[in-house]
Amino acid sequence: MLLTNATELRIIKVLCNLVAFSFNMKKKTSVQTKIQVSGRPSKIRQLLFDIFSMNHKPLSVAELLSSLEEKGTEVNKTTVYREIQSLLEKQVVNAVFVDETHTKYELNINHHHHLVCKGCGEIEEVEFDSIEKIFPLFEKKLKQKKKFQSITHTLEFFGVCQNCA
C-alpha cells in the first residue's frame, strides 16, 4: 500500500507522540544526510545538529550557545551564526521569525507553520492541509509571473497565549 507524503507525516507524528526517543532518532537520521552533504561537518556543526535533534522547539542563538556550553564546548557567537547561515543555505535548518528582531532556528524535518505568543515568545507548530494545497499553485504562478527561479514560503501567526492573556 502506497501512502502519500502527508499521510506518512501524520503517521510519524502519531508515533512521535508515543515514543519521543524514537522520534529524535528518526529526525537525526532523516537530516543527517543533509549535514554530510553540506560540506565537511565541523565539530560545532555536528554539535548544533545534535542539539537541534534533541529539542522539539525552535532555538535562538543564545539557547544554542547555552546548550553548547552545557556540552562543555565554548564557542564564539560569530561561529554559531556562521554555522547557522551555512545550515540555512543547505536547507538543513529553517528560520522562525519570532518578531522583527528575534529569530529562532529548527531542523527542516517537515513543512509546517508556527503560532507565536507575543507575550512570552512561546512557539507552537501548526499545520493546515487545506492551505498547503493552495500554496504550491500560488508559488508556481508567482514564479512564472515574477520570473523567479525558486520560491518558498514561511508563515507565522502571532497572538497572545492563554497564560499571557
C-alpha atoms as a PDB file:
ATOM      1  CA  MET A   1       0.000   0.000   0.000  1.00  0.00           C
ATOM      2  CA  LEU A   2       1.446   3.353  -1.055  1.00  0.00           C
ATOM      3  CA  LEU A   3       0.975   6.308   1.259  1.00  0.00           C
ATOM      4  CA  THR A   4       1.098   9.974   0.395  1.00  0.00           C
ATOM      5  CA  ASN A   5       3.757  12.167   1.999  1.00  0.00           C
ATOM      6  CA  ALA A   6       1.064  13.857   4.086  1.00  0.00           C
ATOM      7  CA  THR A   7      -0.207  10.502   5.359  1.00  0.00           C
ATOM      8  CA  GLU A   8       3.339   9.402   6.161  1.00  0.00           C
ATOM      9  CA  LEU A   9       3.906  12.618   8.122  1.00  0.00           C
ATOM     10  CA  ARG A  10       0.693  12.092  10.100  1.00  0.00           C
ATOM     11  CA  ILE A  11       1.740   8.555  10.949  1.00  0.00           C
ATOM     12  CA  ILE A  12       5.166   9.768  12.021  1.00  0.00           C
ATOM     13  CA  LYS A  13       3.580  12.427  14.240  1.00  0.00           C
ATOM     14  CA  VAL A  14       1.384   9.850  15.965  1.00  0.00           C
ATOM     15  CA  LEU A  15       4.382   7.624  16.561  1.00  0.00           C
ATOM     16  CA  CYS A  16       6.347  10.598  17.844  1.00  0.00           C
ATOM     17  CA  ASN A  17       3.739  11.264  20.493  1.00  0.00           C
ATOM     18  CA  LEU A  18       4.040   7.642  21.618  1.00  0.00           C
ATOM     19  CA  VAL A  19       7.824   7.321  21.671  1.00  0.00           C
ATOM     20  CA  ALA A  20       9.745  10.622  21.899  1.00  0.00           C
ATOM     21  CA  PHE A  21      13.167   8.995  21.806  1.00  0.00           C
ATOM     22  CA  SER A  22      12.295   7.122  18.635  1.00  0.00           C
ATOM     23  CA  PHE A  23      11.217  10.410  17.053  1.00  0.00           C
ATOM     24  CA  ASN A  24      14.528  12.052  17.939  1.00  0.00           C
ATOM     25  CA  MET A  25      16.451   9.221  16.308  1.00  0.00           C
ATOM     26  CA  LYS A  26      14.251   9.413  13.172  1.00  0.00           C
ATOM     27  CA  LYS A  27      14.817  13.181  12.926  1.00  0.00           C
ATOM     28  CA  LYS A  28      18.523  12.651  13.334  1.00  0.00           C
ATOM     29  CA  THR A  29      18.789  10.090  10.551  1.00  0.00           C
ATOM     30  CA  SER A  30      16.465  11.947   8.158  1.00  0.00           C
ATOM     31  CA  VAL A  31      18.582  15.099   8.264  1.00  0.00           C
ATOM     32  CA  GLN A  32      21.998  13.502   8.812  1.00  0.00           C
ATOM     33  CA  THR A  33      22.412  13.127   5.055  1.00  0.00           C
ATOM     34  CA  LYS A  34      21.951  16.888   4.576  1.00  0.00           C
ATOM     35  CA  ILE A  35      24.588  17.544   7.255  1.00  0.00           C
ATOM     36  CA  GLN A  36      27.043  15.281   5.454  1.00  0.00           C
ATOM     37  CA  VAL A  37      26.236  16.798   2.050  1.00  0.00           C
ATOM     38  CA  SER A  38      26.572  20.324   3.454  1.00  0.00           C
ATOM     39  CA  GLY A  39      30.343  20.105   3.427  1.00  0.00           C
ATOM     40  CA  ARG A  40      32.825  18.620   5.824  1.00  0.00           C
ATOM     41  CA  PRO A  41      30.887  18.564   9.091  1.00  0.00           C
ATOM     42  CA  SER A  42      32.786  20.561  11.670  1.00  0.00           C
ATOM     43  CA  LYS A  43      32.652  19.629  15.329  1.00  0.00           C
ATOM     44  CA  ILE A  44      30.444  22.673  16.005  1.00  0.00           C
ATOM     45  CA  ARG A  45      28.091  21.876  13.103  1.00  0.00           C
ATOM     46  CA  GLN A  46      27.683  18.308  14.364  1.00  0.00           C
ATOM     47  CA  LEU A  47      27.049  19.531  17.937  1.00  0.00           C
ATOM     48  CA  LEU A  48      24.456  22.030  16.671  1.00  0.00           C
ATOM     49  CA  PHE A  49      22.779  19.259  14.720  1.00  0.00           C
ATOM     50  CA  ASP A  50      22.691  17.094  17.875  1.00  0.00           C
ATOM     51  CA  ILE A  51      21.189  19.967  19.900  1.00  0.00           C
ATOM     52  CA  PHE A  52      18.511  20.593  17.262  1.00  0.00           C
ATOM     53  CA  SER A  53      17.765  16.851  17.097  1.00  0.00           C
ATOM     54  CA  MET A  54      17.091  16.607  20.820  1.00  0.00           C
ATOM     55  CA  ASN A  55      14.785  19.644  21.007  1.00  0.00           C
ATOM     56  CA  HIS A  56      11.145  19.861  19.996  1.00  0.00           C
ATOM     57  CA  LYS A  57      11.084  23.620  19.549  1.00  0.00           C
ATOM     58  CA  PRO A  58      12.910  26.309  17.606  1.00  0.00           C
ATOM     59  CA  LEU A  59      16.041  27.623  19.346  1.00  0.00           C
ATOM     60  CA  SER A  60      17.673  31.045  19.438  1.00  0.00           C
ATOM     61  CA  VAL A  61      21.416  31.533  19.025  1.00  0.00           C
ATOM     62  CA  ALA A  62      21.599  32.318  22.763  1.00  0.00           C
ATOM     63  CA  GLU A  63      19.883  28.991  23.538  1.00  0.00           C
ATOM     64  CA  LEU A  64      22.262  27.186  21.176  1.00  0.00           C
ATOM     65  CA  LEU A  65      25.285  28.812  22.844  1.00  0.00           C
ATOM     66  CA  SER A  66      23.959  27.800  26.262  1.00  0.00           C
ATOM     67  CA  SER A  67      23.457  24.194  25.100  1.00  0.00           C
ATOM     68  CA  LEU A  68      26.976  24.125  23.644  1.00  0.00           C
ATOM     69  CA  GLU A  69      28.372  25.344  26.975  1.00  0.00           C
ATOM     70  CA  GLU A  70      26.393  22.626  28.791  1.00  0.00           C
ATOM     71  CA  LYS A  71      28.112  20.108  26.494  1.00  0.00           C
ATOM     72  CA  GLY A  72      31.485  21.560  27.521  1.00  0.00           C
ATOM     73  CA  THR A  73      32.103  23.419  24.266  1.00  0.00           C
ATOM     74  CA  GLU A  74      32.983  27.105  24.376  1.00  0.00           C
ATOM     75  CA  VAL A  75      32.433  28.749  21.016  1.00  0.00           C
ATOM     76  CA  ASN A  76      32.284  32.290  19.700  1.00  0.00           C
ATOM     77  CA  LYS A  77      28.813  33.628  18.861  1.00  0.00           C
ATOM     78  CA  THR A  78      30.070  34.589  15.398  1.00  0.00           C
ATOM     79  CA  THR A  79      30.993  30.963  14.715  1.00  0.00           C
ATOM     80  CA  VAL A  80      27.479  29.821  15.641  1.00  0.00           C
ATOM     81  CA  TYR A  81      25.933  32.455  13.347  1.00  0.00           C
ATOM     82  CA  ARG A  82      28.264  31.357  10.530  1.00  0.00           C
ATOM     83  CA  GLU A  83      27.333  27.679  11.022  1.00  0.00           C
ATOM     84  CA  ILE A  84      23.613  28.548  11.180  1.00  0.00           C
ATOM     85  CA  GLN A  85      23.951  30.530   7.941  1.00  0.00           C
ATOM     86  CA  SER A  86      25.592  27.537   6.278  1.00  0.00           C
ATOM     87  CA  LEU A  87      22.834  25.208   7.527  1.00  0.00           C
ATOM     88  CA  LEU A  88      20.181  27.661   6.289  1.00  0.00           C
ATOM     89  CA  GLU A  89      21.766  27.801   2.829  1.00  0.00           C
ATOM     90  CA  LYS A  90      21.833  23.997   2.648  1.00  0.00           C
ATOM     91  CA  GLN A  91      18.203  23.884   3.897  1.00  0.00           C
ATOM     92  CA  VAL A  92      19.149  21.756   6.902  1.00  0.00           C
ATOM     93  CA  VAL A  93      17.504  24.269   9.235  1.00  0.00           C
ATOM     94  CA  ASN A  94      14.672  26.781   8.889  1.00  0.00           C
ATOM     95  CA  ALA A  95      14.415  30.244  10.402  1.00  0.00           C
ATOM     96  CA  VAL A  96      11.383  31.065  12.551  1.00  0.00           C
ATOM     97  CA  PHE A  97      10.797  34.806  12.829  1.00  0.00           C
ATOM     98  CA  VAL A  98       9.564  35.485  16.361  1.00  0.00           C
ATOM     99  CA  ASP A  99       9.338  39.245  15.807  1.00  0.00           C
ATOM    100  CA  GLU A 100      11.193  41.992  13.947  1.00  0.00           C
ATOM    101  CA  THR A 101      14.397  41.476  15.950  1.00  0.00           C
ATOM    102  CA  HIS A 102      14.351  37.837  17.095  1.00  0.00           C
ATOM    103  CA  THR A 103      14.844  34.699  15.041  1.00  0.00           C
ATOM    104  CA  LYS A 104      14.937  31.077  16.145  1.00  0.00           C
ATOM    105  CA  TYR A 105      16.011  28.027  14.185  1.00  0.00           C
ATOM    106  CA  GLU A 106      14.845  24.414  13.836  1.00  0.00           C
ATOM    107  CA  LEU A 107      15.672  21.359  11.770  1.00  0.00           C
ATOM    108  CA  ASN A 108      13.997  21.244   8.381  1.00  0.00           C
ATOM    109  CA  ILE A 109      12.110  17.992   9.001  1.00  0.00           C
ATOM    110  CA  ASN A 110       8.588  18.611   7.763  1.00  0.00           C
ATOM    111  CA  HIS A 111       6.892  21.668   6.387  1.00  0.00           C
ATOM    112  CA  HIS A 112       4.752  23.441   8.968  1.00  0.00           C
ATOM    113  CA  HIS A 113       3.955  26.910  10.247  1.00  0.00           C
ATOM    114  CA  HIS A 114       4.080  28.484  13.690  1.00  0.00           C
ATOM    115  CA  LEU A 115       1.860  30.225  16.212  1.00  0.00           C
ATOM    116  CA  VAL A 116       3.944  32.682  18.270  1.00  0.00           C
ATOM    117  CA  CYS A 117       2.844  34.260  21.546  1.00  0.00           C
ATOM    118  CA  LYS A 118       3.668  37.988  21.565  1.00  0.00           C
ATOM    119  CA  GLY A 119       3.753  37.900  25.371  1.00  0.00           C
ATOM    120  CA  CYS A 120       6.130  35.085  26.306  1.00  0.00           C
ATOM    121  CA  GLY A 121       7.519  34.155  22.879  1.00  0.00           C
ATOM    122  CA  GLU A 122       6.326  30.548  23.117  1.00  0.00           C
ATOM    123  CA  ILE A 123       6.204  28.902  19.684  1.00  0.00           C
ATOM    124  CA  GLU A 124       3.792  26.172  18.667  1.00  0.00           C
ATOM    125  CA  GLU A 125       3.706  24.209  15.402  1.00  0.00           C
ATOM    126  CA  VAL A 126       0.528  24.453  13.330  1.00  0.00           C
ATOM    127  CA  GLU A 127      -0.387  22.616  10.145  1.00  0.00           C
ATOM    128  CA  PHE A 128      -3.265  23.266   7.788  1.00  0.00           C
ATOM    129  CA  ASP A 129      -3.605  20.751   4.978  1.00  0.00           C
ATOM    130  CA  SER A 130      -6.118  22.877   3.084  1.00  0.00           C
ATOM    131  CA  ILE A 131      -3.776  25.896   2.982  1.00  0.00           C
ATOM    132  CA  GLU A 132      -0.817  23.756   1.981  1.00  0.00           C
ATOM    133  CA  LYS A 133      -2.688  22.568  -1.093  1.00  0.00           C
ATOM    134  CA  ILE A 134      -3.077  26.164  -2.290  1.00  0.00           C
ATOM    135  CA  PHE A 135       0.496  27.388  -1.689  1.00  0.00           C
ATOM    136  CA  PRO A 136       2.224  25.294  -4.395  1.00  0.00           C
ATOM    137  CA  LEU A 137      -0.154  26.687  -7.025  1.00  0.00           C
ATOM    138  CA  PHE A 138       0.395  30.224  -5.771  1.00  0.00           C
ATOM    139  CA  GLU A 139       4.182  29.733  -5.698  1.00  0.00           C
ATOM    140  CA  LYS A 140       4.118  28.363  -9.250  1.00  0.00           C
ATOM    141  CA  LYS A 141       2.150  31.374 -10.506  1.00  0.00           C
ATOM    142  CA  LEU A 142       4.468  33.786  -8.673  1.00  0.00           C
ATOM    143  CA  LYS A 143       7.491  32.042 -10.140  1.00  0.00           C
ATOM    144  CA  GLN A 144       6.123  32.417 -13.657  1.00  0.00           C
ATOM    145  CA  LYS A 145       4.753  35.938 -13.267  1.00  0.00           C
ATOM    146  CA  LYS A 146       7.765  37.414 -11.455  1.00  0.00           C
ATOM    147  CA  LYS A 147      10.358  35.291 -13.287  1.00  0.00           C
ATOM    148  CA  PHE A 148      11.885  33.869 -10.094  1.00  0.00           C
ATOM    149  CA  GLN A 149      13.957  30.694 -10.141  1.00  0.00           C
ATOM    150  CA  SER A 150      12.836  29.325  -6.794  1.00  0.00           C
ATOM    151  CA  ILE A 151      10.052  30.315  -4.429  1.00  0.00           C
ATOM    152  CA  THR A 152       9.394  29.027  -0.943  1.00  0.00           C
ATOM    153  CA  HIS A 153       7.384  30.390   1.947  1.00  0.00           C
ATOM    154  CA  THR A 154       7.233  30.636   5.706  1.00  0.00           C
ATOM    155  CA  LEU A 155       4.206  31.624   7.711  1.00  0.00           C
ATOM    156  CA  GLU A 156       3.999  32.646  11.352  1.00  0.00           C
ATOM    157  CA  PHE A 157       0.798  33.566  13.182  1.00  0.00           C
ATOM    158  CA  PHE A 158       1.056  35.921  16.157  1.00  0.00           C
ATOM    159  CA  GLY A 159      -1.228  36.244  19.155  1.00  0.00           C
ATOM    160  CA  VAL A 160      -1.320  36.092  22.952  1.00  0.00           C
ATOM    161  CA  CYS A 161      -1.445  32.675  24.618  1.00  0.00           C
ATOM    162  CA  GLN A 162      -3.824  31.763  27.416  1.00  0.00           C
ATOM    163  CA  ASN A 163      -1.082  32.100  30.061  1.00  0.00           C
ATOM    164  CA  CYS A 164      -0.244  35.667  28.976  1.00  0.00           C
ATOM    165  CA  ALA A 165      -3.813  36.868  28.397  1.00  0.00           C
END
